[in-house]
Amino acid sequence: MNKNNKLDFSSQDIFVGLDTHLKNWRVSIIVGESTFKTFSQDPYSKLLKNYLVKNFPNGNYYSAYEASFCGFTS
């Protein structure tokens, strides 16, 4: 692989939607105006961070989550 072909998402916004559950998270990633991928993962923020850094290096990450069991209360 040519070193000039490295991924670089500098100045690009990467939006991450989370549906949080006790045993897993449902993650949706949107880049630009397209849904890139939706997947399930174990509920660990470091795992998600590592995925983002590996697949979208230097991007601007934004996230939102569904206020479920660990969300807001009245």
PDB file of N, CA and C in Angstrom:
ATOM      1  N   MET A   1       0.839  -1.188   0.000  1.00  0.00           N
ATOM      2  CA  MET A   1       0.000   0.000   0.000  1.00  0.00           C
ATOM      3  C   MET A   1       0.876   1.241   0.000  1.00  0.00           C
ATOM      4  N   ASN A   2       0.547   2.169  -0.823  1.00  0.00           N
ATOM      5  CA  ASN A   2       1.259   3.426  -0.909  1.00  0.00           C
ATOM      6  C   ASN A   2       0.953   4.278   0.318  1.00  0.00           C
ATOM      7  N   LYS A   3       1.966   4.848   0.947  1.00  0.00           N
ATOM      8  CA  LYS A   3       1.763   5.653   2.152  1.00  0.00           C
ATOM      9  C   LYS A   3       0.906   6.890   1.878  1.00  0.00           C
ATOM     10  N   ASN A   4       0.836   7.334   0.658  1.00  0.00           N
ATOM     11  CA  ASN A   4       0.021   8.505   0.319  1.00  0.00           C
ATOM     12  C   ASN A   4      -1.470   8.211   0.313  1.00  0.00           C
ATOM     13  N   ASN A   5      -1.862   6.943   0.458  1.00  0.00           N
ATOM     14  CA  ASN A   5      -3.265   6.555   0.436  1.00  0.00           C
ATOM     15  C   ASN A   5      -3.868   6.440   1.832  1.00  0.00           C
ATOM     16  N   LYS A   6      -3.255   7.025   2.842  1.00  0.00           N
ATOM     17  CA  LYS A   6      -3.783   6.954   4.202  1.00  0.00           C
ATOM     18  C   LYS A   6      -5.104   7.712   4.301  1.00  0.00           C
ATOM     19  N   LEU A   7      -5.997   7.173   5.117  1.00  0.00           N
ATOM     20  CA  LEU A   7      -7.268   7.853   5.370  1.00  0.00           C
ATOM     21  C   LEU A   7      -7.023   9.133   6.143  1.00  0.00           C
ATOM     22  N   ASP A   8      -7.742  10.176   5.797  1.00  0.00           N
ATOM     23  CA  ASP A   8      -7.649  11.435   6.528  1.00  0.00           C
ATOM     24  C   ASP A   8      -8.985  12.159   6.405  1.00  0.00           C
ATOM     25  N   PHE A   9      -9.679  12.287   7.517  1.00  0.00           N
ATOM     26  CA  PHE A   9     -10.984  12.939   7.551  1.00  0.00           C
ATOM     27  C   PHE A   9     -10.897  14.321   8.179  1.00  0.00           C
ATOM     28  N   SER A  10      -9.743  14.972   8.058  1.00  0.00           N
ATOM     29  CA  SER A  10      -9.563  16.310   8.619  1.00  0.00           C
ATOM     30  C   SER A  10     -10.670  17.239   8.134  1.00  0.00           C
ATOM     31  N   SER A  11     -11.215  18.006   9.070  1.00  0.00           N
ATOM     32  CA  SER A  11     -12.268  18.996   8.794  1.00  0.00           C
ATOM     33  C   SER A  11     -13.595  18.376   8.374  1.00  0.00           C
ATOM     34  N   GLN A  12     -13.741  17.055   8.458  1.00  0.00           N
ATOM     35  CA  GLN A  12     -15.017  16.417   8.127  1.00  0.00           C
ATOM     36  C   GLN A  12     -15.748  16.057   9.412  1.00  0.00           C
ATOM     37  N   ASP A  13     -17.052  16.280   9.410  1.00  0.00           N
ATOM     38  CA  ASP A  13     -17.886  15.961  10.562  1.00  0.00           C
ATOM     39  C   ASP A  13     -18.370  14.521  10.477  1.00  0.00           C
ATOM     40  N   ILE A  14     -18.167  13.769  11.563  1.00  0.00           N
ATOM     41  CA  ILE A  14     -18.600  12.383  11.665  1.00  0.00           C
ATOM     42  C   ILE A  14     -19.654  12.351  12.770  1.00  0.00           C
ATOM     43  N   PHE A  15     -20.896  12.019  12.417  1.00  0.00           N
ATOM     44  CA  PHE A  15     -21.992  11.994  13.382  1.00  0.00           C
ATOM     45  C   PHE A  15     -22.268  10.560  13.817  1.00  0.00           C
ATOM     46  N   VAL A  16     -22.388  10.363  15.123  1.00  0.00           N
ATOM     47  CA  VAL A  16     -22.570   9.035  15.700  1.00  0.00           C
ATOM     48  C   VAL A  16     -23.854   9.034  16.530  1.00  0.00           C
ATOM     49  N   GLY A  17     -24.810   8.217  16.133  1.00  0.00           N
ATOM     50  CA  GLY A  17     -26.048   8.053  16.890  1.00  0.00           C
ATOM     51  C   GLY A  17     -25.967   6.768  17.690  1.00  0.00           C
ATOM     52  N   LEU A  18     -26.347   6.844  18.973  1.00  0.00           N
ATOM     53  CA  LEU A  18     -26.257   5.679  19.856  1.00  0.00           C
ATOM     54  C   LEU A  18     -27.623   5.326  20.424  1.00  0.00           C
ATOM     55  N   ASP A  19     -27.967   4.069  20.329  1.00  0.00           N
ATOM     56  CA  ASP A  19     -29.132   3.516  21.014  1.00  0.00           C
ATOM     57  C   ASP A  19     -28.538   2.639  22.105  1.00  0.00           C
ATOM     58  N   THR A  20     -28.555   3.125  23.323  1.00  0.00           N
ATOM     59  CA  THR A  20     -27.823   2.459  24.407  1.00  0.00           C
ATOM     60  C   THR A  20     -28.704   1.459  25.151  1.00  0.00           C
ATOM     61  N   HIS A  21     -28.121   0.310  25.414  1.00  0.00           N
ATOM     62  CA  HIS A  21     -28.755  -0.746  26.203  1.00  0.00           C
ATOM     63  C   HIS A  21     -27.719  -1.269  27.192  1.00  0.00           C
ATOM     64  N   LEU A  22     -28.168  -2.005  28.156  1.00  0.00           N
ATOM     65  CA  LEU A  22     -27.271  -2.510  29.185  1.00  0.00           C
ATOM     66  C   LEU A  22     -26.176  -3.413  28.614  1.00  0.00           C
ATOM     67  N   LYS A  23     -26.539  -4.282  27.673  1.00  0.00           N
ATOM     68  CA  LYS A  23     -25.581  -5.273  27.173  1.00  0.00           C
ATOM     69  C   LYS A  23     -24.958  -4.928  25.826  1.00  0.00           C
ATOM     70  N   ASN A  24     -25.504  -3.941  25.116  1.00  0.00           N
ATOM     71  CA  ASN A  24     -24.902  -3.536  23.850  1.00  0.00           C
ATOM     72  C   ASN A  24     -25.360  -2.152  23.448  1.00  0.00           C
ATOM     73  N   TRP A  25     -24.671  -1.576  22.493  1.00  0.00           N
ATOM     74  CA  TRP A  25     -25.045  -0.300  21.896  1.00  0.00           C
ATOM     75  C   TRP A  25     -25.288  -0.535  20.415  1.00  0.00           C
ATOM     76  N   ARG A  26     -26.308   0.101  19.890  1.00  0.00           N
ATOM     77  CA  ARG A  26     -26.552   0.125  18.449  1.00  0.00           C
ATOM     78  C   ARG A  26     -25.976   1.456  17.986  1.00  0.00           C
ATOM     79  N   VAL A  27     -25.052   1.417  17.052  1.00  0.00           N
ATOM     80  CA  VAL A  27     -24.307   2.593  16.611  1.00  0.00           C
ATOM     81  C   VAL A  27     -24.612   2.855  15.142  1.00  0.00           C
ATOM     82  N   SER A  28     -24.955   4.099  14.819  1.00  0.00           N
ATOM     83  CA  SER A  28     -25.115   4.515  13.424  1.00  0.00           C
ATOM     84  C   SER A  28     -24.149   5.657  13.160  1.00  0.00           C
ATOM     85  N   ILE A  29     -23.435   5.553  12.054  1.00  0.00           N
ATOM     86  CA  ILE A  29     -22.447   6.569  11.700  1.00  0.00           C
ATOM     87  C   ILE A  29     -22.865   7.224  10.397  1.00  0.00           C
ATOM     88  N   ILE A  30     -22.891   8.552  10.429  1.00  0.00           N
ATOM     89  CA  ILE A  30     -23.255   9.337   9.250  1.00  0.00           C
ATOM     90  C   ILE A  30     -22.068  10.227   8.891  1.00  0.00           C
ATOM     91  N   VAL A  31     -21.685  10.156   7.624  1.00  0.00           N
ATOM     92  CA  VAL A  31     -20.602  10.986   7.100  1.00  0.00           C
ATOM     93  C   VAL A  31     -21.195  11.787   5.947  1.00  0.00           C
ATOM     94  N   GLY A  32     -21.106  13.098   6.054  1.00  0.00           N
ATOM     95  CA  GLY A  32     -21.741  13.938   5.038  1.00  0.00           C
ATOM     96  C   GLY A  32     -23.245  13.751   5.112  1.00  0.00           C
ATOM     97  N   GLU A  33     -23.851  13.411   4.008  1.00  0.00           N
ATOM     98  CA  GLU A  33     -25.292  13.189   3.965  1.00  0.00           C
ATOM     99  C   GLU A  33     -25.650  11.710   3.826  1.00  0.00           C
ATOM    100  N   SER A  34     -24.671  10.837   4.037  1.00  0.00           N
ATOM    101  CA  SER A  34     -24.896   9.403   3.853  1.00  0.00           C
ATOM    102  C   SER A  34     -24.691   8.634   5.151  1.00  0.00           C
ATOM    103  N   THR A  35     -25.568   7.665   5.384  1.00  0.00           N
ATOM    104  CA  THR A  35     -25.360   6.751   6.500  1.00  0.00           C
ATOM    105  C   THR A  35     -24.267   5.784   6.068  1.00  0.00           C
ATOM    106  N   PHE A  36     -23.154   5.813   6.792  1.00  0.00           N
ATOM    107  CA  PHE A  36     -22.018   4.966   6.458  1.00  0.00           C
ATOM    108  C   PHE A  36     -22.243   3.537   6.911  1.00  0.00           C
ATOM    109  N   LYS A  37     -22.652   3.369   8.177  1.00  0.00           N
ATOM    110  CA  LYS A  37     -22.763   2.030   8.735  1.00  0.00           C
ATOM    111  C   LYS A  37     -23.597   2.067  10.005  1.00  0.00           C
ATOM    112  N   THR A  38     -24.331   0.984  10.250  1.00  0.00           N
ATOM    113  CA  THR A  38     -25.036   0.765  11.506  1.00  0.00           C
ATOM    114  C   THR A  38     -24.625  -0.613  12.008  1.00  0.00           C
ATOM    115  N   PHE A  39     -24.239  -0.681  13.278  1.00  0.00           N
ATOM    116  CA  PHE A  39     -23.760  -1.946  13.833  1.00  0.00           C
ATOM    117  C   PHE A  39     -23.998  -1.980  15.338  1.00  0.00           C
ATOM    118  N   SER A  40     -23.863  -3.168  15.928  1.00  0.00           N
ATOM    119  CA  SER A  40     -23.951  -3.345  17.380  1.00  0.00           C
ATOM    120  C   SER A  40     -22.551  -3.559  17.932  1.00  0.00           C
ATOM    121  N   GLN A  41     -22.344  -3.075  19.154  1.00  0.00           N
ATOM    122  CA  GLN A  41     -21.062  -3.280  19.807  1.00  0.00           C
ATOM    123  C   GLN A  41     -21.276  -3.405  21.306  1.00  0.00           C
ATOM    124  N   ASP A  42     -20.277  -3.934  21.996  1.00  0.00           N
ATOM    125  CA  ASP A  42     -20.316  -3.979  23.451  1.00  0.00           C
ATOM    126  C   ASP A  42     -20.368  -2.550  23.986  1.00  0.00           C
ATOM    127  N   PRO A  43     -20.988  -2.328  25.144  1.00  0.00           N
ATOM    128  CA  PRO A  43     -21.235  -0.970  25.642  1.00  0.00           C
ATOM    129  C   PRO A  43     -20.023  -0.313  26.308  1.00  0.00           C
ATOM    130  N   TYR A  44     -18.986  -0.065  25.538  1.00  0.00           N
ATOM    131  CA  TYR A  44     -17.777   0.554  26.076  1.00  0.00           C
ATOM    132  C   TYR A  44     -17.361   1.729  25.200  1.00  0.00           C
ATOM    133  N   SER A  45     -17.270   2.909  25.789  1.00  0.00           N
ATOM    134  CA  SER A  45     -16.923   4.109  25.026  1.00  0.00           C
ATOM    135  C   SER A  45     -15.542   4.006  24.392  1.00  0.00           C
ATOM    136  N   LYS A  46     -14.598   3.377  25.064  1.00  0.00           N
ATOM    137  CA  LYS A  46     -13.248   3.253  24.514  1.00  0.00           C
ATOM    138  C   LYS A  46     -13.259   2.411  23.239  1.00  0.00           C
ATOM    139  N   LEU A  47     -14.094   1.398  23.192  1.00  0.00           N
ATOM    140  CA  LEU A  47     -14.230   0.569  21.999  1.00  0.00           C
ATOM    141  C   LEU A  47     -14.726   1.409  20.825  1.00  0.00           C
ATOM    142  N   LEU A  48     -15.712   2.260  21.069  1.00  0.00           N
ATOM    143  CA  LEU A  48     -16.233   3.133  20.020  1.00  0.00           C
ATOM    144  C   LEU A  48     -15.181   4.157  19.593  1.00  0.00           C
ATOM    145  N   LYS A  49     -14.499   4.739  20.556  1.00  0.00           N
ATOM    146  CA  LYS A  49     -13.443   5.708  20.239  1.00  0.00           C
ATOM    147  C   LYS A  49     -12.385   5.082  19.350  1.00  0.00           C
ATOM    148  N   ASN A  50     -11.939   3.884  19.693  1.00  0.00           N
ATOM    149  CA  ASN A  50     -10.918   3.203  18.895  1.00  0.00           C
ATOM    150  C   ASN A  50     -11.404   2.951  17.471  1.00  0.00           C
ATOM    151  N   TYR A  51     -12.683   2.584  17.323  1.00  0.00           N
ATOM    152  CA  TYR A  51     -13.254   2.356  15.992  1.00  0.00           C
ATOM    153  C   TYR A  51     -13.231   3.648  15.169  1.00  0.00           C
ATOM    154  N   LEU A  52     -13.650   4.736  15.797  1.00  0.00           N
ATOM    155  CA  LEU A  52     -13.694   6.016  15.083  1.00  0.00           C
ATOM    156  C   LEU A  52     -12.307   6.483  14.673  1.00  0.00           C
ATOM    157  N   VAL A  53     -11.358   6.402  15.582  1.00  0.00           N
ATOM    158  CA  VAL A  53      -9.993   6.851  15.284  1.00  0.00           C
ATOM    159  C   VAL A  53      -9.372   6.008  14.174  1.00  0.00           C
ATOM    160  N   LYS A  54      -9.638   4.711  14.180  1.00  0.00           N
ATOM    161  CA  LYS A  54      -9.085   3.825  13.151  1.00  0.00           C
ATOM    162  C   LYS A  54      -9.717   4.063  11.785  1.00  0.00           C
ATOM    163  N   ASN A  55     -11.046   4.210  11.758  1.00  0.00           N
ATOM    164  CA  ASN A  55     -11.771   4.293  10.484  1.00  0.00           C
ATOM    165  C   ASN A  55     -12.010   5.705   9.976  1.00  0.00           C
ATOM    166  N   PHE A  56     -11.953   6.693  10.855  1.00  0.00           N
ATOM    167  CA  PHE A  56     -12.186   8.090  10.481  1.00  0.00           C
ATOM    168  C   PHE A  56     -11.141   8.990  11.146  1.00  0.00           C
ATOM    169  N   PRO A  57      -9.854   8.747  10.879  1.00  0.00           N
ATOM    170  CA  PRO A  57      -8.805   9.504  11.553  1.00  0.00           C
ATOM    171  C   PRO A  57      -8.916  11.000  11.281  1.00  0.00           C
ATOM    172  N   ASN A  58      -8.689  11.772  12.343  1.00  0.00           N
ATOM    173  CA  ASN A  58      -8.669  13.241  12.308  1.00  0.00           C
ATOM    174  C   ASN A  58     -10.026  13.873  12.049  1.00  0.00           C
ATOM    175  N   GLY A  59     -11.105  13.086  12.098  1.00  0.00           N
ATOM    176  CA  GLY A  59     -12.439  13.648  11.893  1.00  0.00           C
ATOM    177  C   GLY A  59     -12.914  14.422  13.113  1.00  0.00           C
ATOM    178  N   ASN A  60     -13.956  15.200  12.923  1.00  0.00           N
ATOM    179  CA  ASN A  60     -14.638  15.894  14.022  1.00  0.00           C
ATOM    180  C   ASN A  60     -15.822  15.018  14.425  1.00  0.00           C
ATOM    181  N   TYR A  61     -15.756  14.417  15.596  1.00  0.00           N
ATOM    182  CA  TYR A  61     -16.768  13.470  16.034  1.00  0.00           C
ATOM    183  C   TYR A  61     -17.849  14.157  16.857  1.00  0.00           C
ATOM    184  N   TYR A  62     -19.112  13.862  16.525  1.00  0.00           N
ATOM    185  CA  TYR A  62     -20.263  14.374  17.262  1.00  0.00           C
ATOM    186  C   TYR A  62     -21.161  13.186  17.569  1.00  0.00           C
ATOM    187  N   SER A  63     -21.701  13.150  18.779  1.00  0.00           N
ATOM    188  CA  SER A  63     -22.552  12.015  19.120  1.00  0.00           C
ATOM    189  C   SER A  63     -23.811  12.467  19.847  1.00  0.00           C
ATOM    190  N   ALA A  64     -24.824  11.620  19.747  1.00  0.00           N
ATOM    191  CA  ALA A  64     -26.087  11.814  20.453  1.00  0.00           C
ATOM    192  C   ALA A  64     -26.603  10.434  20.809  1.00  0.00           C
ATOM    193  N   TYR A  65     -27.342  10.348  21.902  1.00  0.00           N
ATOM    194  CA  TYR A  65     -27.866   9.043  22.272  1.00  0.00           C
ATOM    195  C   TYR A  65     -29.328   9.141  22.647  1.00  0.00           C
ATOM    196  N   GLU A  66     -29.992   8.019  22.486  1.00  0.00           N
ATOM    197  CA  GLU A  66     -31.387   7.906  22.892  1.00  0.00           C
ATOM    198  C   GLU A  66     -31.417   7.903  24.419  1.00  0.00           C
ATOM    199  N   ALA A  67     -32.239   8.727  25.002  1.00  0.00           N
ATOM    200  CA  ALA A  67     -32.359   8.777  26.465  1.00  0.00           C
ATOM    201  C   ALA A  67     -33.202   7.582  26.932  1.00  0.00           C
ATOM    202  N   SER A  68     -32.514   6.494  27.187  1.00  0.00           N
ATOM    203  CA  SER A  68     -33.204   5.259  27.609  1.00  0.00           C
ATOM    204  C   SER A  68     -32.954   5.008  29.079  1.00  0.00           C
ATOM    205  N   PHE A  69     -32.671   3.782  29.459  1.00  0.00           N
ATOM    206  CA  PHE A  69     -32.519   3.426  30.866  1.00  0.00           C
ATOM    207  C   PHE A  69     -31.446   4.267  31.568  1.00  0.00           C
ATOM    208  N   CYS A  70     -30.467   4.750  30.832  1.00  0.00           N
ATOM    209  CA  CYS A  70     -29.407   5.536  31.480  1.00  0.00           C
ATOM    210  C   CYS A  70     -29.519   7.013  31.128  1.00  0.00           C
ATOM    211  N   GLY A  71     -30.669   7.421  30.587  1.00  0.00           N
ATOM    212  CA  GLY A  71     -30.861   8.794  30.162  1.00  0.00           C
ATOM    213  C   GLY A  71     -31.534   9.653  31.202  1.00  0.00           C
ATOM    214  N   PHE A  72     -32.322  10.565  30.742  1.00  0.00           N
ATOM    215  CA  PHE A  72     -32.943  11.577  31.578  1.00  0.00           C
ATOM    216  C   PHE A  72     -34.130  11.036  32.365  1.00  0.00           C
ATOM    217  N   THR A  73     -34.362  11.619  33.511  1.00  0.00           N
ATOM    218  CA  THR A  73     -35.542  11.299  34.321  1.00  0.00           C
ATOM    219  C   THR A  73     -36.261  12.587  34.682  1.00  0.00           C
ATOM    220  N   SER A  74     -37.511  12.470  35.050  1.00  0.00           N
ATOM    221  CA  SER A  74     -38.253  13.677  35.431  1.00  0.00           C
ATOM    222  C   SER A  74     -38.531  13.694  36.905  1.00  0.00           C
TER     223      SER A  74
END
